[in-house]
Protein backbone atom coordinates (compact mmCIF):
# COMPACT_ATOMS: atom_id res chain seq x y z
CA MET A 1 0.00 0.00 0.00
CA SER A 2 1.32 3.43 -0.94
CA ASP A 3 2.04 5.82 1.91
CA THR A 4 0.12 8.46 -0.05
CA ALA A 5 -2.98 6.35 -0.73
CA ARG A 6 -6.15 7.91 0.64
CA GLN A 7 -7.24 6.09 3.77
CA LEU A 8 -10.46 5.91 5.73
CA ALA A 9 -10.55 7.61 9.10
CA LEU A 10 -12.49 5.54 11.64
CA ASN A 11 -13.58 6.62 15.10
CA LEU A 12 -15.32 4.48 17.68
CA PHE A 13 -18.23 6.56 18.98
CA ILE A 14 -18.81 5.21 22.49
CA TYR A 15 -22.31 5.68 23.85
CA PRO A 16 -23.14 4.02 27.19
CA GLY A 17 -24.53 0.59 26.38
CA GLY A 18 -24.62 1.21 22.63
CA HIS A 19 -26.35 3.49 20.16
CA HIS A 20 -29.73 1.82 19.90
CA GLU A 21 -32.16 3.41 22.33
CA ALA A 22 -32.92 0.00 23.85
CA ALA A 23 -29.39 -1.41 23.65
CA TRP A 24 -29.06 -1.56 27.43
CA ARG A 25 -31.87 -4.16 27.48
CA TYR A 26 -30.28 -6.42 24.87
CA ARG A 27 -29.22 -9.80 26.26
CA GLU A 28 -25.54 -9.28 25.39
CA SER A 29 -25.25 -5.80 26.88
CA GLU A 30 -23.73 -4.93 30.25
CA PRO A 31 -25.82 -1.96 31.47
CA ARG A 32 -24.52 -2.06 35.04
CA ARG A 33 -21.03 -1.22 33.78
CA VAL A 34 -21.94 2.21 32.38
CA LEU A 35 -20.04 3.86 35.26
CA ASP A 36 -17.20 1.32 35.37
CA ILE A 37 -14.11 2.97 33.89
CA ARG A 38 -12.54 -0.42 33.23
CA TYR A 39 -15.35 -1.16 30.77
CA TYR A 40 -14.41 1.88 28.69
CA GLN A 41 -10.69 1.28 29.05
CA GLU A 42 -11.19 -2.21 27.63
CA LEU A 43 -13.16 -0.79 24.70
CA ALA A 44 -10.51 1.85 24.03
CA ARG A 45 -7.75 -0.75 24.04
CA ARG A 46 -9.72 -2.87 21.58
CA ALA A 47 -10.19 0.14 19.30
CA GLU A 48 -6.47 0.90 19.54
CA ALA A 49 -5.57 -2.70 18.73
CA ALA A 50 -7.77 -2.32 15.64
CA LYS A 51 -5.80 0.87 14.75
CA PHE A 52 -8.83 3.17 14.90
CA ASP A 53 -8.05 6.87 14.62
CA ALA A 54 -9.91 7.87 17.77
CA ILE A 55 -12.58 7.19 20.31
CA PHE A 56 -15.35 9.76 20.45
CA PHE A 57 -17.43 10.59 23.51
CA ALA A 58 -20.57 12.74 23.37
CA ASP A 59 -21.91 14.75 26.28
CA GLY A 60 -24.50 17.26 27.40
CA PRO A 61 -24.74 19.39 30.57
CA SER A 62 -28.18 18.14 31.62
CA LEU A 63 -29.99 14.88 32.31
CA PRO A 64 -32.39 13.99 29.47
CA GLU A 65 -35.99 13.54 30.45
CA ASN A 66 -36.23 9.96 29.17
CA VAL A 67 -33.75 8.50 31.68
CA ARG A 68 -36.60 6.32 33.01
CA TYR A 69 -36.32 4.13 29.91
CA SER A 70 -32.92 4.91 28.42
CA SER A 71 -29.28 4.69 29.48
CA ARG A 72 -28.37 8.34 29.98
CA VAL A 73 -25.86 8.54 32.85
CA ARG A 74 -22.26 9.03 31.84
CA PHE A 75 -18.88 10.33 32.90
CA GLU A 76 -17.72 13.89 32.35
CA PRO A 77 -15.67 13.55 29.12
CA LEU A 78 -12.36 15.14 30.11
CA THR A 79 -12.15 13.10 33.32
CA TRP A 80 -13.13 9.99 31.40
CA LEU A 81 -10.61 10.57 28.61
CA SER A 82 -7.80 11.16 31.08
CA ALA A 83 -8.43 7.67 32.46
CA ILE A 84 -8.44 6.31 28.90
CA ALA A 85 -5.18 8.11 28.13
CA ALA A 86 -3.47 6.29 31.00
CA VAL A 87 -4.05 2.84 29.46
CA THR A 88 -3.57 3.61 25.75
CA GLU A 89 -0.71 4.97 23.64
CA ARG A 90 -1.81 5.87 20.13
CA ILE A 91 -5.56 6.20 19.73
CA GLY A 92 -7.03 9.72 19.56
CA LEU A 93 -9.25 11.00 22.38
CA ILE A 94 -12.17 13.21 21.32
CA GLY A 95 -14.54 14.61 23.94
CA THR A 96 -17.49 16.99 23.76
CA ALA A 97 -17.64 20.33 25.57
CA SER A 98 -20.14 23.15 25.19
CA THR A 99 -19.24 26.72 24.32
CA THR A 100 -22.55 27.85 25.85
CA TYR A 101 -21.99 26.33 29.28
CA ASN A 102 -18.23 26.61 29.82
CA GLU A 103 -15.64 29.38 30.19
CA PRO A 104 -12.83 29.61 27.61
CA TYR A 105 -9.92 29.72 30.05
CA ASN A 106 -10.98 26.63 32.01
CA LEU A 107 -11.76 24.69 28.85
CA ALA A 108 -8.43 25.63 27.26
CA ARG A 109 -6.62 24.33 30.38
CA LEU A 110 -8.58 21.07 30.38
CA TYR A 111 -7.88 20.19 26.76
CA ALA A 112 -4.26 21.36 26.86
CA SER A 113 -3.78 19.17 29.92
CA LEU A 114 -5.34 16.18 28.14
CA ASP A 115 -3.11 16.77 25.12
CA HIS A 116 -0.03 16.68 27.39
CA LEU A 117 -1.26 13.65 29.35
CA SER A 118 -1.85 11.72 26.13
CA ASP A 119 1.26 12.87 24.21
CA GLY A 120 -0.80 14.67 21.60
CA ARG A 121 -4.02 12.73 21.14
CA ALA A 122 -6.71 15.20 22.24
CA GLY A 123 -9.62 16.44 20.16
CA TRP A 124 -12.38 18.86 21.17
CA ASN A 125 -15.89 18.24 19.84
CA ILE A 126 -17.23 21.79 19.82
CA VAL A 127 -20.97 22.05 20.51
CA THR A 128 -23.27 24.94 21.38
CA THR A 129 -25.74 22.60 23.20
CA SER A 130 -29.20 22.09 21.73
CA ASP A 131 -30.92 20.91 24.93
CA ALA A 132 -32.87 23.83 26.38
CA GLY A 133 -33.02 22.04 29.73
CA ALA A 134 -29.38 22.87 30.38
CA ALA A 135 -30.08 26.55 31.04
CA GLN A 136 -31.51 26.06 34.53
CA ASN A 137 -28.43 24.09 35.56
CA PHE A 138 -26.34 27.22 35.03
CA GLY A 139 -28.57 29.88 36.50
CA LEU A 140 -29.95 31.11 33.18
CA PRO A 141 -33.65 31.91 32.81
CA GLU A 142 -33.77 30.41 29.31
CA HIS A 143 -31.64 28.69 26.70
CA PRO A 144 -29.97 31.16 24.29
CA PRO A 145 -31.34 31.13 20.71
CA HIS A 146 -29.54 29.14 18.01
CA GLY A 147 -27.90 32.10 16.26
CA GLU A 148 -26.78 33.68 19.53
CA ARG A 149 -25.18 30.41 20.64
CA TYR A 150 -23.13 30.25 17.44
CA ASP A 151 -22.13 33.90 17.72
CA LYS A 152 -20.82 33.20 21.20
CA ALA A 153 -19.12 30.00 20.01
CA ARG A 154 -17.09 31.89 17.42
CA GLU A 155 -15.67 34.23 20.04
CA PHE A 156 -15.19 31.35 22.49
CA LEU A 157 -13.10 29.49 19.92
CA GLU A 158 -11.10 32.63 19.16
CA VAL A 159 -10.21 32.99 22.84
CA VAL A 160 -9.32 29.31 23.30
CA THR A 161 -7.11 29.37 20.20
CA LYS A 162 -5.23 32.43 21.47
CA LEU A 163 -4.75 30.74 24.85
CA TRP A 164 -3.38 27.56 23.26
CA ASP A 165 -1.03 29.75 21.20
CA SER A 166 0.01 31.96 24.13
CA TRP A 167 3.08 29.81 24.76
CA GLU A 168 5.39 29.47 21.78
CA ASP A 169 6.77 25.99 21.15
CA ASP A 170 10.22 26.75 22.56
CA ALA A 171 9.13 28.99 25.45
CA LEU A 172 9.58 26.29 28.10
CA LEU A 173 13.34 25.97 28.70
CA ALA A 174 13.73 24.28 32.12
CA ASP A 175 17.45 25.17 31.93
CA ALA A 176 18.82 24.29 35.35
CA GLU A 177 22.30 25.59 34.54
CA SER A 178 21.16 29.12 33.70
CA GLY A 179 18.29 29.08 36.15
CA VAL A 180 15.80 30.11 33.45
CA PHE A 181 12.63 28.05 33.46
CA ALA A 182 10.75 29.87 30.68
CA ASP A 183 11.58 32.47 28.04
CA VAL A 184 9.07 35.12 29.06
CA GLY A 185 9.50 36.85 25.70
CA LYS A 186 7.74 33.83 24.20
CA VAL A 187 4.88 33.66 26.70
CA HIS A 188 2.14 36.10 25.72
CA ARG A 189 -0.86 37.74 27.30
CA ILE A 190 -3.76 37.56 24.87
CA ASP A 191 -5.63 40.62 26.24
CA HIS A 192 -8.86 39.60 24.56
CA VAL A 193 -11.77 42.03 24.90
CA GLY A 194 -14.88 41.02 22.99
CA ARG A 195 -18.64 41.05 23.08
CA HIS A 196 -18.90 38.00 25.33
CA TYR A 197 -15.47 37.56 26.95
CA ARG A 198 -12.63 39.50 28.54
CA VAL A 199 -9.60 37.23 29.02
CA ARG A 200 -6.09 38.40 29.83
CA GLY A 201 -4.04 35.19 29.59
CA PRO A 202 -1.60 33.65 29.07
CA LEU A 203 -2.59 30.05 29.73
CA ASN A 204 -0.83 28.45 32.68
CA VAL A 205 -0.13 25.30 30.64
CA ALA A 206 2.74 25.32 28.13
CA ARG A 207 1.99 24.68 24.46
CA SER A 208 0.77 21.14 24.00
CA PRO A 209 2.21 18.42 21.73
CA GLN A 210 -0.26 19.07 18.90
CA GLY A 211 0.01 22.85 19.27
CA ARG A 212 -3.75 22.84 19.48
CA PRO A 213 -6.02 19.84 20.06
CA VAL A 214 -7.96 18.86 16.94
CA TYR A 215 -11.11 20.93 16.38
CA VAL A 216 -14.12 18.67 15.84
CA GLN A 217 -17.65 19.91 15.15
CA ALA A 218 -21.01 18.19 14.76
CA GLY A 219 -23.56 20.73 13.50
CA SER A 220 -25.05 20.61 10.00
CA SER A 221 -27.40 23.60 10.15
CA GLU A 222 -26.55 26.72 8.17
CA ASP A 223 -24.82 28.24 11.21
CA GLY A 224 -23.13 24.89 11.88
CA ARG A 225 -21.83 24.57 8.32
CA SER A 226 -20.48 28.11 8.33
CA PHE A 227 -18.74 27.50 11.64
CA ALA A 228 -17.36 24.14 10.51
CA ALA A 229 -16.02 25.43 7.20
CA GLN A 230 -14.09 28.15 9.01
CA HIS A 231 -12.82 26.22 12.03
CA ALA A 232 -13.42 22.46 12.08
CA GLU A 233 -10.76 19.91 11.23
CA ALA A 234 -13.11 16.94 11.59
CA ILE A 235 -16.89 17.06 11.17
CA PHE A 236 -19.28 14.52 12.63
CA THR A 237 -22.48 14.51 10.58
CA ALA A 238 -25.67 12.47 10.11
CA HIS A 239 -27.02 11.38 6.71
CA GLN A 240 -29.45 8.73 5.54
CA THR A 241 -28.62 8.71 1.82
CA LEU A 242 -25.55 8.88 -0.38
CA ALA A 243 -26.93 11.94 -2.19
CA SER A 244 -27.46 13.87 1.05
CA ALA A 245 -23.97 12.99 2.27
CA GLN A 246 -22.41 13.99 -1.07
CA ALA A 247 -24.20 17.34 -1.04
CA PHE A 248 -23.01 18.07 2.51
CA TYR A 249 -19.45 16.94 1.72
CA SER A 250 -19.11 19.09 -1.39
CA ASP A 251 -20.72 22.09 0.32
CA ILE A 252 -18.35 21.97 3.30
CA LYS A 253 -15.26 21.51 1.13
CA ALA A 254 -16.30 24.36 -1.20
CA ARG A 255 -16.95 26.68 1.73
CA ALA A 256 -13.55 25.83 3.18
CA VAL A 257 -11.80 26.59 -0.12
CA SER A 258 -13.60 29.94 -0.34
CA LEU A 259 -12.13 30.78 3.08
CA GLY A 260 -8.61 29.91 1.95
CA ARG A 261 -8.47 26.52 3.65
CA ALA A 262 -7.17 23.30 2.11
CA PRO A 263 -10.14 20.91 1.70
CA GLU A 264 -8.01 17.91 2.68
CA HIS A 265 -7.51 19.52 6.09
CA ILE A 266 -11.16 18.82 6.97
CA ARG A 267 -12.26 15.24 7.64
CA VAL A 268 -15.99 14.69 7.04
CA LEU A 269 -17.11 11.70 9.13
CA PRO A 270 -20.75 10.57 8.97
CA GLY A 271 -22.10 8.26 11.63
CA ILE A 272 -22.80 4.64 10.75
CA SER A 273 -24.50 2.04 12.97
CA PRO A 274 -23.96 -1.46 11.51
CA TYR A 275 -26.06 -4.56 12.23
CA LEU A 276 -24.10 -7.56 10.97
CA GLY A 277 -25.15 -11.08 10.08
CA SER A 278 -23.72 -13.92 8.03
CA THR A 279 -26.77 -13.43 5.76
CA GLN A 280 -29.09 -10.50 5.15
CA ALA A 281 -31.88 -12.38 6.92
CA GLU A 282 -29.71 -12.91 9.99
CA ALA A 283 -28.80 -9.22 10.13
CA ASP A 284 -32.46 -8.27 9.75
CA ARG A 285 -33.40 -10.58 12.64
CA LEU A 286 -30.75 -8.94 14.84
CA GLU A 287 -32.13 -5.47 14.16
CA GLU A 288 -35.69 -6.66 14.75
CA GLU A 289 -34.72 -8.35 18.02
CA ILE A 290 -33.28 -5.10 19.38
CA ASN A 291 -36.14 -3.02 17.99
CA GLU A 292 -38.60 -5.18 19.90
CA LEU A 293 -37.02 -3.91 23.12
CA ILE A 294 -38.02 -0.29 22.43
CA GLN A 295 -40.18 1.43 25.04
CA PRO A 296 -42.49 3.52 22.81
CA ALA A 297 -42.89 6.18 25.50
CA ALA A 298 -39.12 6.78 25.48
CA SER A 299 -38.93 6.99 21.71
CA LEU A 300 -41.91 9.33 21.50
CA GLU A 301 -40.26 11.60 24.06
CA GLN A 302 -37.07 11.66 22.01
CA LEU A 303 -39.08 12.55 18.93
CA ARG A 304 -40.94 15.29 20.83
CA ARG A 305 -37.65 16.90 21.81
CA LEU A 306 -36.44 16.80 18.22
CA ILE A 307 -39.51 18.08 16.39
CA GLY A 308 -41.65 19.67 19.10
CA LEU A 309 -44.69 17.43 18.56
CA ASP A 310 -46.23 15.18 21.21
CA LEU A 311 -47.49 12.02 19.48
CA SER A 312 -48.30 10.05 22.64
CA GLY A 313 -52.05 9.95 21.89
CA PHE A 314 -51.69 8.82 18.27
CA ASP A 315 -52.01 5.34 16.77
CA LEU A 316 -48.41 4.13 16.43
CA ASP A 317 -49.31 2.17 13.31
CA GLY A 318 -51.05 5.11 11.70
CA PRO A 319 -49.43 7.56 9.28
CA PHE A 320 -47.10 10.20 10.64
CA PRO A 321 -49.03 13.53 10.84
CA ARG A 322 -46.67 15.58 8.72
CA HIS A 323 -49.14 18.47 8.51
CA LEU A 324 -48.76 19.15 12.25
CA ILE A 325 -45.03 19.92 12.06
CA ASP A 326 -44.06 23.56 12.50
CA THR A 327 -41.15 24.00 10.10
CA ASP A 328 -41.03 27.76 10.68
CA GLY A 329 -40.41 27.55 14.43
CA PRO A 330 -37.02 27.84 16.20
CA ARG A 331 -36.40 24.08 15.80
CA GLY A 332 -36.61 24.43 12.03
CA VAL A 333 -33.00 25.59 11.74
CA ALA A 334 -31.62 22.52 13.56
CA SER A 335 -29.97 19.87 11.38
CA ARG A 336 -31.45 16.92 13.27
CA PHE A 337 -34.97 18.40 12.90
CA GLN A 338 -34.46 18.59 9.15
CA LEU A 339 -33.13 15.04 9.05
CA VAL A 340 -36.37 13.75 10.65
CA ILE A 341 -38.49 15.76 8.21
CA ASP A 342 -36.48 14.38 5.28
CA ILE A 343 -37.14 10.81 6.43
CA VAL A 344 -40.86 11.54 6.76
CA ASP A 345 -41.08 13.18 3.34
CA ARG A 346 -39.01 10.52 1.59
CA GLU A 347 -40.34 7.34 3.20
CA LYS A 348 -43.85 8.25 4.41
CA PRO A 349 -43.44 6.07 7.53
CA THR A 350 -45.92 5.19 10.21
CA ILE A 351 -45.17 6.63 13.63
CA ARG A 352 -43.87 3.25 14.79
CA GLN A 353 -41.57 2.96 11.77
CA LEU A 354 -40.20 6.45 12.40
CA ILE A 355 -39.50 5.89 16.09
CA ARG A 356 -37.69 2.68 15.20
CA ARG A 357 -35.57 4.57 12.69
CA MET A 358 -34.70 7.20 15.27
CA ALA A 359 -34.15 4.68 18.08
CA GLY A 360 -31.55 2.87 15.98
CA ALA A 361 -28.98 5.67 16.16
CA ARG A 362 -30.81 8.98 16.68
CA GLY A 363 -31.04 9.65 12.96
CA HIS A 364 -27.63 8.38 11.87
CA TRP A 365 -27.24 5.85 9.08
CA VAL A 366 -28.30 2.39 10.22
CA LEU A 367 -26.84 -0.20 7.87
CA VAL A 368 -28.13 -3.76 8.15
CA GLY A 369 -26.44 -6.58 6.23
CA THR A 370 -23.53 -8.91 5.76
CA PRO A 371 -19.95 -7.75 6.41
CA GLU A 372 -19.41 -7.58 2.65
CA ARG A 373 -22.44 -5.34 2.15
CA VAL A 374 -21.41 -3.02 4.98
CA ALA A 375 -17.86 -2.81 3.58
CA ASP A 376 -19.27 -2.15 0.10
CA GLU A 377 -21.38 0.76 1.36
CA ILE A 378 -18.51 2.25 3.35
CA GLN A 379 -16.32 2.06 0.24
CA ARG A 380 -19.05 3.54 -1.96
CA TRP A 381 -19.50 6.59 0.26
CA PHE A 382 -15.73 6.98 0.62
CA VAL A 383 -14.86 6.86 -3.09
CA GLN A 384 -17.93 8.74 -4.32
CA GLY A 385 -17.32 11.97 -2.42
CA ALA A 386 -19.58 11.49 0.57
CA ALA A 387 -17.13 10.82 3.41
CA ASP A 388 -13.49 10.84 4.47
CA GLY A 389 -14.28 8.15 7.00
CA PHE A 390 -16.89 7.26 9.59
CA ASN A 391 -17.84 7.42 13.22
CA VAL A 392 -18.68 3.79 13.92
CA MET A 393 -21.69 3.64 16.24
CA PRO A 394 -22.22 0.05 17.44
CA PRO A 395 -25.89 -0.70 18.17
CA TRP A 396 -24.85 -2.38 21.42
CA LEU A 397 -21.58 -2.80 23.28
CA THR A 398 -19.30 -4.51 23.29
CA GLY A 399 -20.41 -7.17 20.82
CA GLY A 400 -21.55 -4.78 18.11
CA PHE A 401 -18.07 -3.27 17.94
CA ASP A 402 -16.27 -6.61 18.21
CA ALA A 403 -18.25 -7.89 15.21
CA PHE A 404 -17.31 -4.84 13.11
CA VAL A 405 -13.62 -5.27 13.93
CA ALA A 406 -13.62 -9.02 13.29
CA GLU A 407 -15.77 -9.08 10.16
CA VAL A 408 -15.75 -5.72 8.35
CA LEU A 409 -12.28 -4.36 9.07
CA PRO A 410 -10.42 -7.25 7.36
CA ILE A 411 -12.42 -6.58 4.17
CA LEU A 412 -11.55 -2.88 4.25
CA ARG A 413 -7.89 -3.74 4.80
CA LYS A 414 -7.89 -6.25 1.95
CA ARG A 415 -9.20 -3.46 -0.27
CA GLU A 416 -6.39 -1.19 1.01
CA LEU A 417 -8.86 1.29 2.47
CA PHE A 418 -7.71 1.21 6.09
CA ARG A 419 -4.34 1.07 7.79
CA GLU A 420 -2.64 -2.08 9.04
CA GLU A 421 -0.55 -0.10 11.56
CA TYR A 422 -0.35 3.44 12.88
CA SER A 423 2.16 5.62 11.06
CA GLY A 424 1.98 8.51 13.54
CA ARG A 425 1.45 9.08 17.23
CA THR A 426 -0.84 12.11 17.46
CA LEU A 427 -4.45 12.53 16.42
CA ARG A 428 -3.38 15.17 13.92
CA GLU A 429 -1.01 12.65 12.35
CA HIS A 430 -3.74 10.00 12.19
CA TYR A 431 -6.03 12.43 10.35
CA GLY A 432 -3.25 13.81 8.15
CA LEU A 433 -3.63 17.31 9.58
CA PRO A 434 -0.85 19.89 9.90
CA ARG A 435 0.41 21.05 13.27
CA PRO A 436 -0.48 24.77 13.53
CA ALA A 437 2.10 27.34 14.49
CA SER A 438 1.45 29.75 17.35
CA GLU A 439 -0.04 32.95 15.98
CA PHE A 440 2.11 34.88 18.47
CA ALA A 441 5.28 33.23 17.15
CA GLN A 442 4.24 34.13 13.60
CA ASP A 443 3.53 37.73 14.59
CA ARG A 444 6.88 38.02 16.39
CA ARG A 445 8.77 36.70 13.35
CA LEU A 446 6.95 39.09 11.04
CA SER A 447 7.80 42.08 13.26
CA ALA A 448 11.44 41.07 13.70
């Protein structure tokens, strides 16, 4: 295999119990281990042994309302990833943190610390938080509107970037002979004064191995796409069809080029949730077996939060009442809202069929079939301009991931689509991303 051959990027997206809404009830799941760090360490080591680019951990700063029926408790991501870093060596570590419910200085310290602890494997999944229930956990009377959250996120990212750059690469000397610990001419206050933040700096953590942790983003709305094209280095996105994924992929790459960015410096990574069987019928039976475990009340609540419509009094086997959806309301700009509407318009499902689709992976691509079929579809999206790789979302854990590694990965490797061994050590190296220079170092060289 050529060193320059284009390769898939693969992340393991770890969701407690698995990505199907009822995965925790499946006979092979281990729901009582959702707060056992050894469970996640074992998964991370398996993903590293399979040479995955990264593990990915989602998060939100509130407890979802459907915890009665769904596995929703989880670790705080930075704490969790630090424990993962201690037992792994090469796999990337991507965790979610909100720009709406954090402060830039603290978040910059946390991720810089993780990047040092892991020798350069940290990635920040940048979210603005869509769950309105988070506001009351932070003393706010109401959740900020969509556009306002993205406006704040842009300034938040600007501040964090300056803080990560505030130490130049060679500022830390630790020269015992001279007695100089740091070259203070290369440690910079950022003196940021903006609409939302006033931050002096510098950061009290020296520049990290990657310079900056990898910027990951997951929004596909208009605001999300604009933000991603300008800042993101990896994009986690949800699509149901090849055509939709191709349109998103080409749009993001074109926007990046218009901003002066190299398109290959953005990895577009749709989610995929594979159900595997030795035959199509066997894979179908597996999906049906897990679908039978759905608690309709939980799935209807999830749907209500996504589209703002309470369907609890409707006949589940009746047609979905498309005419009741308010597409002009504040939810209408959200990418996941639009994804649900697209499914309804394209497939005309019953309510039960729709909640099963959403329960499978919250709107991400659920692919049911043999290992060969799953590999074929991954290859088709990869070579036809729809993806640079995938976030693998096992329906249940750990067996759903073990099956993918044992049965699909060898096919992808035989087709020379995925690495046999790591060639780098950092997440940036896995993704083929450049290491950014400190903007303060660049400014100092230009003024010299």
